[in-house]
Amino acid sequence: MSRIEIRQQSFPTRCEICHQTDLFDAEKNFCSRCIAVKDFSTKAYQTSNTTSNNPIIILASGNIELMTLVQIVAIICTLVGIFIEIRTILLSGPILSSIGAVIAWSSYRCKSRLGIVWGLSALGITLFCIGLILTFNWLPQDAEFPIRIIAIIYTLLVLPLGITILLHLNRKNPNGTFSLKQRKNSIETEK
């Protein structure tokens, strides 16, 4: 099998979304027309080459940013739900775990340890509560007080982490992507 050889690299000539050239900046790979369009599908990750031809993974921050915001809202709703009726954990636990799993996987793909911890925390707290309930054979009225205390502690510990992630992701490039390696390179070139 023969190897593919790249002879020359050049900037794109048009926007990959609208296929127009009039509002497209080729050097920044940025289209003014399509700035509002965010792709939350399987194309959340793009690869790019730096000047040294080392591929880096760039996170289309809309995916993790949106899921982090959804998880923060889900944590708050779960806490409120637990104080209204303890049985709401039967629904909120799997929802929180699913959101956390998506965030953890996306963060793993982007090599973000902070995001992995954030995502797995939801899965971990859900499994921890299930383990307690099954180990001690708690009925809903037995689990009410301990689960409320655990939920309060979890919320107080984890919400600052989620807010930190959101603030961290808001430092974006003009084309809506974020990369730690790109940020470090741009800081070094400014000096």
N, C-alpha and C. Protein backbone atom coordinates (compact mmCIF):
# COMPACT_ATOMS: atom_id res chain seq x y z
N MET A 1 0.84 -1.17 0.00
CA MET A 1 0.00 0.00 0.00
C MET A 1 0.90 1.24 0.00
N SER A 2 0.69 2.13 -0.94
CA SER A 2 1.53 3.32 -1.03
C SER A 2 1.08 4.40 -0.04
N ARG A 3 2.04 5.18 0.39
CA ARG A 3 1.76 6.25 1.34
C ARG A 3 1.29 7.49 0.59
N ILE A 4 0.38 8.22 1.21
CA ILE A 4 -0.08 9.48 0.64
C ILE A 4 0.93 10.55 1.01
N GLU A 5 1.35 11.31 0.05
CA GLU A 5 2.33 12.35 0.30
C GLU A 5 1.67 13.72 0.07
N ILE A 6 1.77 14.59 1.07
CA ILE A 6 1.21 15.93 0.95
C ILE A 6 2.29 16.82 0.35
N ARG A 7 2.00 17.40 -0.80
CA ARG A 7 2.99 18.22 -1.49
C ARG A 7 2.94 19.68 -1.05
N GLN A 8 1.73 20.15 -0.77
CA GLN A 8 1.60 21.57 -0.45
C GLN A 8 0.38 21.75 0.44
N GLN A 9 0.46 22.70 1.38
CA GLN A 9 -0.68 23.05 2.21
C GLN A 9 -1.06 24.48 1.91
N SER A 10 -2.37 24.73 1.91
CA SER A 10 -2.83 26.10 1.68
C SER A 10 -4.09 26.36 2.51
N PHE A 11 -4.43 27.62 2.61
CA PHE A 11 -5.63 28.00 3.35
C PHE A 11 -6.87 27.61 2.56
N PRO A 12 -7.98 27.36 3.24
CA PRO A 12 -9.22 27.09 2.52
C PRO A 12 -9.66 28.33 1.74
N THR A 13 -10.39 28.11 0.67
CA THR A 13 -10.80 29.24 -0.16
C THR A 13 -12.24 29.68 0.10
N ARG A 14 -12.98 28.85 0.81
CA ARG A 14 -14.38 29.21 1.09
C ARG A 14 -14.81 28.57 2.41
N CYS A 15 -15.94 29.02 2.91
CA CYS A 15 -16.50 28.51 4.16
C CYS A 15 -17.01 27.09 3.95
N GLU A 16 -16.73 26.22 4.92
CA GLU A 16 -17.17 24.83 4.81
C GLU A 16 -18.67 24.67 5.10
N ILE A 17 -19.29 25.68 5.69
CA ILE A 17 -20.72 25.58 6.03
C ILE A 17 -21.58 26.15 4.91
N CYS A 18 -21.34 27.43 4.56
CA CYS A 18 -22.19 28.08 3.55
C CYS A 18 -21.59 28.05 2.15
N HIS A 19 -20.34 27.65 2.01
CA HIS A 19 -19.64 27.53 0.73
C HIS A 19 -19.54 28.86 -0.02
N GLN A 20 -19.50 29.96 0.73
CA GLN A 20 -19.36 31.29 0.13
C GLN A 20 -17.98 31.84 0.45
N THR A 21 -17.53 32.78 -0.35
CA THR A 21 -16.21 33.35 -0.15
C THR A 21 -16.26 34.81 0.31
N ASP A 22 -17.41 35.47 0.18
CA ASP A 22 -17.47 36.91 0.41
C ASP A 22 -17.20 37.33 1.86
N LEU A 23 -17.69 36.61 2.86
CA LEU A 23 -17.49 36.97 4.27
C LEU A 23 -16.52 36.01 4.96
N PHE A 24 -15.74 35.27 4.18
CA PHE A 24 -14.84 34.26 4.73
C PHE A 24 -13.42 34.79 4.81
N ASP A 25 -12.79 34.64 6.00
CA ASP A 25 -11.39 35.00 6.21
C ASP A 25 -10.58 33.69 6.21
N ALA A 26 -9.83 33.48 5.16
CA ALA A 26 -9.13 32.21 4.97
C ALA A 26 -8.04 31.98 6.02
N GLU A 27 -7.32 33.04 6.42
CA GLU A 27 -6.24 32.86 7.38
C GLU A 27 -6.74 32.43 8.75
N LYS A 28 -7.90 32.95 9.15
CA LYS A 28 -8.47 32.59 10.46
C LYS A 28 -9.46 31.44 10.36
N ASN A 29 -9.78 31.02 9.14
CA ASN A 29 -10.78 29.98 8.91
C ASN A 29 -12.09 30.38 9.60
N PHE A 30 -12.53 31.61 9.33
CA PHE A 30 -13.64 32.22 10.04
C PHE A 30 -14.60 32.84 9.04
N CYS A 31 -15.87 32.50 9.17
CA CYS A 31 -16.90 33.05 8.29
C CYS A 31 -17.85 33.91 9.13
N SER A 32 -17.96 35.18 8.77
CA SER A 32 -18.85 36.09 9.52
C SER A 32 -20.32 35.69 9.37
N ARG A 33 -20.67 35.09 8.27
CA ARG A 33 -22.05 34.70 8.03
C ARG A 33 -22.46 33.52 8.92
N CYS A 34 -21.53 32.61 9.16
CA CYS A 34 -21.86 31.36 9.86
C CYS A 34 -21.43 31.36 11.32
N ILE A 35 -21.14 32.50 11.88
CA ILE A 35 -20.68 32.56 13.27
C ILE A 35 -21.73 31.99 14.23
N ALA A 36 -23.00 32.17 13.93
CA ALA A 36 -24.05 31.71 14.83
C ALA A 36 -24.29 30.20 14.72
N VAL A 37 -23.77 29.59 13.66
CA VAL A 37 -24.00 28.17 13.46
C VAL A 37 -22.97 27.38 14.26
N LYS A 38 -23.46 26.49 15.12
CA LYS A 38 -22.54 25.62 15.86
C LYS A 38 -22.95 24.18 15.57
N ASP A 39 -21.97 23.35 15.32
CA ASP A 39 -22.22 21.97 14.99
C ASP A 39 -22.08 21.11 16.24
N PHE A 40 -23.23 20.58 16.74
CA PHE A 40 -23.21 19.74 17.93
C PHE A 40 -23.28 18.26 17.56
N SER A 41 -23.04 17.96 16.32
CA SER A 41 -23.13 16.57 15.88
C SER A 41 -21.79 15.88 16.08
N THR A 42 -21.56 14.85 15.34
CA THR A 42 -20.32 14.09 15.51
C THR A 42 -19.10 14.85 15.01
N LYS A 43 -19.28 15.97 14.36
CA LYS A 43 -18.16 16.77 13.91
C LYS A 43 -17.76 17.79 14.95
N ALA A 44 -17.91 17.47 16.21
CA ALA A 44 -17.55 18.39 17.28
C ALA A 44 -16.05 18.54 17.40
N TYR A 45 -15.32 17.64 16.79
CA TYR A 45 -13.87 17.72 16.87
C TYR A 45 -13.29 17.89 15.48
N GLN A 46 -12.33 18.76 15.38
CA GLN A 46 -11.64 18.99 14.13
C GLN A 46 -10.16 18.80 14.40
N THR A 47 -9.45 18.41 13.36
CA THR A 47 -8.00 18.36 13.53
C THR A 47 -7.39 19.47 12.69
N SER A 48 -6.30 19.98 13.16
CA SER A 48 -5.62 21.07 12.49
C SER A 48 -4.13 20.82 12.56
N ASN A 49 -3.39 21.45 11.71
CA ASN A 49 -1.94 21.33 11.75
C ASN A 49 -1.33 22.65 12.19
N THR A 50 -0.34 22.57 13.04
CA THR A 50 0.40 23.76 13.43
C THR A 50 1.51 23.96 12.42
N THR A 51 2.32 24.98 12.62
CA THR A 51 3.42 25.24 11.69
C THR A 51 4.44 24.11 11.70
N SER A 52 4.53 23.38 12.79
CA SER A 52 5.48 22.28 12.86
C SER A 52 4.85 20.95 12.40
N ASN A 53 3.67 21.02 11.79
CA ASN A 53 2.96 19.86 11.26
C ASN A 53 2.59 18.83 12.32
N ASN A 54 2.50 19.22 13.58
CA ASN A 54 2.01 18.32 14.62
C ASN A 54 0.51 18.48 14.73
N PRO A 55 -0.26 17.41 14.51
CA PRO A 55 -1.70 17.56 14.60
C PRO A 55 -2.12 17.80 16.05
N ILE A 56 -3.05 18.70 16.25
CA ILE A 56 -3.62 18.94 17.57
C ILE A 56 -5.12 18.80 17.48
N ILE A 57 -5.70 18.42 18.57
CA ILE A 57 -7.15 18.28 18.60
C ILE A 57 -7.74 19.58 19.10
N ILE A 58 -8.66 20.10 18.34
CA ILE A 58 -9.30 21.35 18.72
C ILE A 58 -10.73 21.03 19.11
N LEU A 59 -11.14 21.48 20.25
CA LEU A 59 -12.48 21.25 20.74
C LEU A 59 -13.41 22.32 20.22
N ALA A 60 -14.44 21.92 19.54
CA ALA A 60 -15.50 22.86 19.20
C ALA A 60 -16.26 23.08 20.50
N SER A 61 -15.93 24.15 21.18
CA SER A 61 -16.30 24.32 22.59
C SER A 61 -17.81 24.35 22.80
N GLY A 62 -18.57 24.53 21.77
CA GLY A 62 -20.02 24.55 21.93
C GLY A 62 -20.56 23.27 22.53
N ASN A 63 -19.97 22.12 22.19
CA ASN A 63 -20.44 20.83 22.69
C ASN A 63 -20.26 20.71 24.20
N ILE A 64 -19.05 20.88 24.68
CA ILE A 64 -18.80 20.73 26.12
C ILE A 64 -19.38 21.91 26.87
N GLU A 65 -19.32 23.09 26.29
CA GLU A 65 -19.88 24.27 26.94
C GLU A 65 -21.38 24.08 27.18
N LEU A 66 -22.08 23.63 26.16
CA LEU A 66 -23.52 23.40 26.29
C LEU A 66 -23.81 22.30 27.30
N MET A 67 -23.09 21.19 27.21
CA MET A 67 -23.33 20.08 28.12
C MET A 67 -22.99 20.44 29.57
N THR A 68 -21.96 21.26 29.76
CA THR A 68 -21.60 21.70 31.11
C THR A 68 -22.72 22.56 31.68
N LEU A 69 -23.25 23.45 30.87
CA LEU A 69 -24.36 24.28 31.31
C LEU A 69 -25.58 23.43 31.64
N VAL A 70 -25.86 22.43 30.80
CA VAL A 70 -26.99 21.52 31.05
C VAL A 70 -26.76 20.75 32.35
N GLN A 71 -25.52 20.31 32.60
CA GLN A 71 -25.25 19.56 33.83
C GLN A 71 -25.40 20.45 35.06
N ILE A 72 -24.97 21.70 34.98
CA ILE A 72 -25.15 22.62 36.12
C ILE A 72 -26.63 22.78 36.43
N VAL A 73 -27.43 22.99 35.39
CA VAL A 73 -28.88 23.13 35.59
C VAL A 73 -29.47 21.83 36.14
N ALA A 74 -29.01 20.69 35.63
CA ALA A 74 -29.51 19.40 36.11
C ALA A 74 -29.16 19.16 37.57
N ILE A 75 -27.96 19.56 38.00
CA ILE A 75 -27.56 19.40 39.40
C ILE A 75 -28.46 20.24 40.30
N ILE A 76 -28.70 21.48 39.90
CA ILE A 76 -29.57 22.36 40.70
C ILE A 76 -30.99 21.82 40.74
N CYS A 77 -31.51 21.38 39.59
CA CYS A 77 -32.87 20.81 39.55
C CYS A 77 -32.97 19.54 40.38
N THR A 78 -31.93 18.72 40.35
CA THR A 78 -31.91 17.50 41.15
C THR A 78 -31.95 17.84 42.63
N LEU A 79 -31.18 18.81 43.05
CA LEU A 79 -31.17 19.22 44.45
C LEU A 79 -32.54 19.72 44.89
N VAL A 80 -33.15 20.54 44.06
CA VAL A 80 -34.50 21.03 44.37
C VAL A 80 -35.49 19.87 44.41
N GLY A 81 -35.39 18.97 43.42
CA GLY A 81 -36.28 17.82 43.36
C GLY A 81 -36.16 16.90 44.57
N ILE A 82 -34.95 16.72 45.07
CA ILE A 82 -34.74 15.87 46.24
C ILE A 82 -35.45 16.45 47.46
N PHE A 83 -35.46 17.76 47.57
CA PHE A 83 -36.13 18.38 48.71
C PHE A 83 -37.65 18.39 48.54
N ILE A 84 -38.13 18.30 47.32
CA ILE A 84 -39.58 18.22 47.10
C ILE A 84 -40.07 16.79 47.30
N GLU A 85 -39.41 15.84 46.63
CA GLU A 85 -39.78 14.42 46.72
C GLU A 85 -38.54 13.58 46.44
N ILE A 86 -38.18 12.73 47.37
CA ILE A 86 -36.95 11.94 47.28
C ILE A 86 -36.97 11.00 46.08
N ARG A 87 -38.13 10.57 45.65
CA ARG A 87 -38.22 9.61 44.53
C ARG A 87 -37.81 10.22 43.19
N THR A 88 -37.61 11.54 43.15
CA THR A 88 -37.18 12.16 41.89
C THR A 88 -35.77 11.70 41.49
N ILE A 89 -35.02 11.14 42.43
CA ILE A 89 -33.68 10.65 42.07
C ILE A 89 -33.74 9.48 41.11
N LEU A 90 -34.89 8.82 41.03
CA LEU A 90 -35.03 7.72 40.08
C LEU A 90 -34.96 8.21 38.64
N LEU A 91 -35.32 9.47 38.42
CA LEU A 91 -35.23 10.07 37.09
C LEU A 91 -33.98 10.94 36.96
N SER A 92 -33.70 11.74 37.97
CA SER A 92 -32.58 12.69 37.85
C SER A 92 -31.22 12.00 37.89
N GLY A 93 -31.10 10.89 38.59
CA GLY A 93 -29.83 10.17 38.64
C GLY A 93 -29.37 9.69 37.28
N PRO A 94 -30.21 8.95 36.54
CA PRO A 94 -29.79 8.52 35.19
C PRO A 94 -29.55 9.68 34.23
N ILE A 95 -30.35 10.75 34.35
CA ILE A 95 -30.14 11.91 33.48
C ILE A 95 -28.79 12.54 33.77
N LEU A 96 -28.50 12.75 35.05
CA LEU A 96 -27.22 13.35 35.44
C LEU A 96 -26.05 12.46 35.00
N SER A 97 -26.20 11.15 35.17
CA SER A 97 -25.14 10.22 34.76
C SER A 97 -24.90 10.26 33.26
N SER A 98 -25.97 10.33 32.49
CA SER A 98 -25.83 10.37 31.02
C SER A 98 -25.13 11.64 30.57
N ILE A 99 -25.53 12.77 31.12
CA ILE A 99 -24.89 14.04 30.77
C ILE A 99 -23.42 13.99 31.15
N GLY A 100 -23.14 13.49 32.35
CA GLY A 100 -21.76 13.39 32.81
C GLY A 100 -20.92 12.48 31.94
N ALA A 101 -21.50 11.38 31.49
CA ALA A 101 -20.76 10.45 30.62
C ALA A 101 -20.40 11.11 29.29
N VAL A 102 -21.33 11.88 28.73
CA VAL A 102 -21.06 12.59 27.47
C VAL A 102 -19.94 13.62 27.67
N ILE A 103 -20.00 14.35 28.78
CA ILE A 103 -18.96 15.35 29.06
C ILE A 103 -17.61 14.67 29.27
N ALA A 104 -17.60 13.58 30.03
CA ALA A 104 -16.34 12.88 30.30
C ALA A 104 -15.73 12.35 29.00
N TRP A 105 -16.54 11.78 28.13
CA TRP A 105 -16.03 11.24 26.87
C TRP A 105 -15.51 12.36 25.97
N SER A 106 -16.27 13.45 25.86
CA SER A 106 -15.83 14.59 25.04
C SER A 106 -14.54 15.18 25.60
N SER A 107 -14.46 15.29 26.90
CA SER A 107 -13.26 15.84 27.54
C SER A 107 -12.07 14.91 27.36
N TYR A 108 -12.30 13.62 27.41
CA TYR A 108 -11.23 12.64 27.17
C TYR A 108 -10.67 12.81 25.76
N ARG A 109 -11.57 12.98 24.80
CA ARG A 109 -11.15 13.15 23.41
C ARG A 109 -10.34 14.43 23.21
N CYS A 110 -10.62 15.43 24.06
CA CYS A 110 -9.93 16.72 23.96
C CYS A 110 -8.79 16.85 24.94
N LYS A 111 -8.52 15.78 25.66
CA LYS A 111 -7.43 15.75 26.64
C LYS A 111 -7.60 16.81 27.72
N SER A 112 -8.81 16.95 28.22
CA SER A 112 -9.10 17.91 29.28
C SER A 112 -9.38 17.14 30.57
N ARG A 113 -8.40 17.11 31.46
CA ARG A 113 -8.56 16.37 32.73
C ARG A 113 -9.66 16.98 33.59
N LEU A 114 -9.73 18.30 33.59
CA LEU A 114 -10.75 18.98 34.38
C LEU A 114 -12.15 18.58 33.92
N GLY A 115 -12.36 18.50 32.62
CA GLY A 115 -13.65 18.09 32.07
C GLY A 115 -13.97 16.64 32.38
N ILE A 116 -12.95 15.79 32.38
CA ILE A 116 -13.17 14.38 32.71
C ILE A 116 -13.63 14.25 34.15
N VAL A 117 -12.97 14.96 35.06
CA VAL A 117 -13.37 14.93 36.47
C VAL A 117 -14.79 15.45 36.63
N TRP A 118 -15.09 16.54 35.95
CA TRP A 118 -16.43 17.14 36.01
C TRP A 118 -17.48 16.15 35.52
N GLY A 119 -17.25 15.50 34.40
CA GLY A 119 -18.22 14.56 33.86
C GLY A 119 -18.38 13.31 34.72
N LEU A 120 -17.26 12.76 35.16
CA LEU A 120 -17.33 11.53 35.96
C LEU A 120 -17.88 11.76 37.37
N SER A 121 -17.86 13.01 37.84
CA SER A 121 -18.40 13.29 39.17
C SER A 121 -19.89 12.98 39.23
N ALA A 122 -20.61 13.28 38.15
CA ALA A 122 -22.05 12.99 38.13
C ALA A 122 -22.31 11.49 38.15
N LEU A 123 -21.55 10.77 37.36
CA LEU A 123 -21.69 9.31 37.34
C LEU A 123 -21.30 8.73 38.70
N GLY A 124 -20.24 9.25 39.29
CA GLY A 124 -19.77 8.76 40.58
C GLY A 124 -20.76 8.99 41.71
N ILE A 125 -21.36 10.17 41.76
CA ILE A 125 -22.31 10.46 42.84
C ILE A 125 -23.57 9.61 42.68
N THR A 126 -23.97 9.38 41.45
CA THR A 126 -25.15 8.53 41.21
C THR A 126 -24.87 7.10 41.67
N LEU A 127 -23.74 6.56 41.28
CA LEU A 127 -23.40 5.19 41.70
C LEU A 127 -23.20 5.09 43.21
N PHE A 128 -22.63 6.12 43.81
CA PHE A 128 -22.45 6.14 45.25
C PHE A 128 -23.80 6.09 45.98
N CYS A 129 -24.75 6.90 45.53
CA CYS A 129 -26.08 6.91 46.16
C CYS A 129 -26.80 5.58 45.95
N ILE A 130 -26.71 5.03 44.75
CA ILE A 130 -27.32 3.73 44.49
C ILE A 130 -26.70 2.67 45.40
N GLY A 131 -25.37 2.71 45.52
CA GLY A 131 -24.68 1.75 46.39
C GLY A 131 -25.13 1.85 47.83
N LEU A 132 -25.27 3.06 48.35
CA LEU A 132 -25.75 3.24 49.73
C LEU A 132 -27.16 2.70 49.91
N ILE A 133 -28.03 3.04 48.97
CA ILE A 133 -29.42 2.60 49.07
C ILE A 133 -29.52 1.08 49.04
N LEU A 134 -28.76 0.44 48.15
CA LEU A 134 -28.81 -1.02 48.05
C LEU A 134 -28.11 -1.70 49.23
N THR A 135 -27.00 -1.14 49.68
CA THR A 135 -26.26 -1.74 50.79
C THR A 135 -27.07 -1.74 52.08
N PHE A 136 -27.71 -0.63 52.37
CA PHE A 136 -28.45 -0.50 53.63
C PHE A 136 -29.94 -0.81 53.48
N ASN A 137 -30.37 -1.24 52.30
CA ASN A 137 -31.78 -1.57 52.03
C ASN A 137 -32.71 -0.44 52.47
N TRP A 138 -32.36 0.78 52.10
CA TRP A 138 -33.16 1.93 52.49
C TRP A 138 -34.45 2.01 51.69
N LEU A 139 -35.51 2.31 52.37
CA LEU A 139 -36.77 2.68 51.74
C LEU A 139 -36.68 4.19 51.45
N PRO A 140 -37.59 4.73 50.66
CA PRO A 140 -37.50 6.16 50.36
C PRO A 140 -37.43 7.06 51.61
N GLN A 141 -38.22 6.73 52.63
CA GLN A 141 -38.20 7.58 53.83
C GLN A 141 -36.89 7.42 54.61
N ASP A 142 -36.22 6.24 54.50
CA ASP A 142 -34.92 6.04 55.15
C ASP A 142 -33.81 6.79 54.43
N ALA A 143 -33.89 6.84 53.11
CA ALA A 143 -32.84 7.45 52.28
C ALA A 143 -32.96 8.97 52.21
N GLU A 144 -34.09 9.49 52.60
CA GLU A 144 -34.36 10.92 52.40
C GLU A 144 -33.30 11.83 53.02
N PHE A 145 -33.01 11.67 54.30
CA PHE A 145 -32.07 12.57 54.98
C PHE A 145 -30.62 12.38 54.48
N PRO A 146 -30.09 11.14 54.43
CA PRO A 146 -28.70 10.99 53.98
C PRO A 146 -28.47 11.45 52.54
N ILE A 147 -29.42 11.15 51.66
CA ILE A 147 -29.27 11.53 50.25
C ILE A 147 -29.32 13.04 50.11
N ARG A 148 -30.17 13.70 50.89
CA ARG A 148 -30.21 15.17 50.85
C ARG A 148 -28.88 15.77 51.28
N ILE A 149 -28.31 15.24 52.34
CA ILE A 149 -27.02 15.75 52.81
C ILE A 149 -25.93 15.52 51.76
N ILE A 150 -25.91 14.33 51.18
CA ILE A 150 -24.92 14.01 50.14
C ILE A 150 -25.11 14.94 48.94
N ALA A 151 -26.36 15.20 48.56
CA ALA A 151 -26.64 16.07 47.41
C ALA A 151 -26.19 17.51 47.68
N ILE A 152 -26.39 17.98 48.89
CA ILE A 152 -25.95 19.35 49.23
C ILE A 152 -24.43 19.44 49.18
N ILE A 153 -23.75 18.47 49.76
CA ILE A 153 -22.28 18.48 49.77
C ILE A 153 -21.75 18.39 48.34
N TYR A 154 -22.33 17.49 47.54
CA TYR A 154 -21.91 17.34 46.15
C TYR A 154 -22.09 18.64 45.37
N THR A 155 -23.24 19.28 45.55
CA THR A 155 -23.51 20.53 44.84
C THR A 155 -22.51 21.61 45.24
N LEU A 156 -22.25 21.72 46.53
CA LEU A 156 -21.31 22.75 47.00
C LEU A 156 -19.88 22.50 46.53
N LEU A 157 -19.51 21.25 46.37
CA LEU A 157 -18.16 20.92 45.92
C LEU A 157 -18.00 21.02 44.40
N VAL A 158 -19.03 20.64 43.67
CA VAL A 158 -18.88 20.48 42.23
C VAL A 158 -19.30 21.70 41.42
N LEU A 159 -20.25 22.48 41.88
CA LEU A 159 -20.68 23.64 41.10
C LEU A 159 -19.55 24.63 40.82
N PRO A 160 -18.67 24.92 41.77
CA PRO A 160 -17.55 25.80 41.42
C PRO A 160 -16.67 25.23 40.30
N LEU A 161 -16.52 23.92 40.27
CA LEU A 161 -15.75 23.29 39.20
C LEU A 161 -16.44 23.50 37.85
N GLY A 162 -17.75 23.34 37.80
CA GLY A 162 -18.50 23.56 36.56
C GLY A 162 -18.41 25.00 36.08
N ILE A 163 -18.49 25.93 37.01
CA ILE A 163 -18.38 27.34 36.64
C ILE A 163 -16.97 27.65 36.14
N THR A 164 -15.97 27.04 36.76
CA THR A 164 -14.59 27.21 36.31
C THR A 164 -14.42 26.70 34.88
N ILE A 165 -15.02 25.56 34.59
CA ILE A 165 -14.94 25.00 33.23
C ILE A 165 -15.60 25.94 32.23
N LEU A 166 -16.77 26.47 32.58
CA LEU A 166 -17.45 27.40 31.67
C LEU A 166 -16.60 28.64 31.42
N LEU A 167 -16.01 29.19 32.46
CA LEU A 167 -15.16 30.37 32.29
C LEU A 167 -13.93 30.04 31.46
N HIS A 168 -13.39 28.85 31.66
CA HIS A 168 -12.22 28.41 30.91
C HIS A 168 -12.55 28.25 29.42
N LEU A 169 -13.72 27.70 29.13
CA LEU A 169 -14.11 27.48 27.73
C LEU A 169 -14.50 28.77 27.03
N ASN A 170 -14.84 29.80 27.78
CA ASN A 170 -15.23 31.05 27.14
C ASN A 170 -14.07 31.79 26.50
N ARG A 171 -12.84 31.38 26.81
CA ARG A 171 -11.67 31.96 26.14
C ARG A 171 -11.51 31.25 24.80
N LYS A 172 -12.22 31.76 23.79
CA LYS A 172 -12.26 31.08 22.50
C LYS A 172 -11.48 31.83 21.44
N ASN A 173 -11.19 31.13 20.37
CA ASN A 173 -10.67 31.76 19.17
C ASN A 173 -11.84 32.38 18.42
N PRO A 174 -11.61 33.26 17.46
CA PRO A 174 -12.72 33.87 16.71
C PRO A 174 -13.61 32.88 15.99
N ASN A 175 -13.08 31.71 15.63
CA ASN A 175 -13.91 30.74 14.91
C ASN A 175 -14.66 29.81 15.84
N GLY A 176 -14.69 30.10 17.16
CA GLY A 176 -15.51 29.34 18.09
C GLY A 176 -14.87 28.09 18.63
N THR A 177 -13.56 27.94 18.46
CA THR A 177 -12.90 26.75 18.97
C THR A 177 -11.93 27.14 20.07
N PHE A 178 -11.54 26.17 20.84
CA PHE A 178 -10.63 26.42 21.96
C PHE A 178 -9.61 25.30 22.01
N SER A 179 -8.40 25.66 22.23
CA SER A 179 -7.36 24.66 22.39
C SER A 179 -6.32 25.19 23.35
N LEU A 180 -5.96 24.40 24.35
CA LEU A 180 -4.94 24.82 25.30
C LEU A 180 -3.61 25.03 24.59
N LYS A 181 -3.27 24.15 23.66
CA LYS A 181 -2.00 24.27 22.95
C LYS A 181 -1.97 25.55 22.12
N GLN A 182 -3.09 25.88 21.47
CA GLN A 182 -3.14 27.11 20.70
C GLN A 182 -3.00 28.31 21.61
N ARG A 183 -3.63 28.27 22.76
CA ARG A 183 -3.57 29.38 23.71
C ARG A 183 -2.12 29.59 24.17
N LYS A 184 -1.43 28.51 24.50
CA LYS A 184 -0.04 28.61 24.94
C LYS A 184 0.83 29.18 23.81
N ASN A 185 0.61 28.71 22.57
CA ASN A 185 1.40 29.20 21.44
C ASN A 185 1.16 30.67 21.20
N SER A 186 -0.10 31.13 21.32
CA SER A 186 -0.40 32.54 21.08
C SER A 186 0.18 33.42 22.17
N ILE A 187 0.24 32.93 23.41
CA ILE A 187 0.83 33.69 24.51
C ILE A 187 2.34 33.82 24.29
N GLU A 188 2.98 32.73 23.85
CA GLU A 188 4.42 32.75 23.63
C GLU A 188 4.79 33.68 22.48
N THR A 189 3.97 33.73 21.43
CA THR A 189 4.27 34.60 20.30
C THR A 189 4.04 36.07 20.63
N GLU A 190 3.15 36.36 21.57
CA GLU A 190 2.91 37.75 21.98
C GLU A 190 4.09 38.30 22.76
N LYS A 191 4.84 37.43 23.45
CA LYS A 191 5.98 37.89 24.27
C LYS A 191 7.14 38.27 23.44
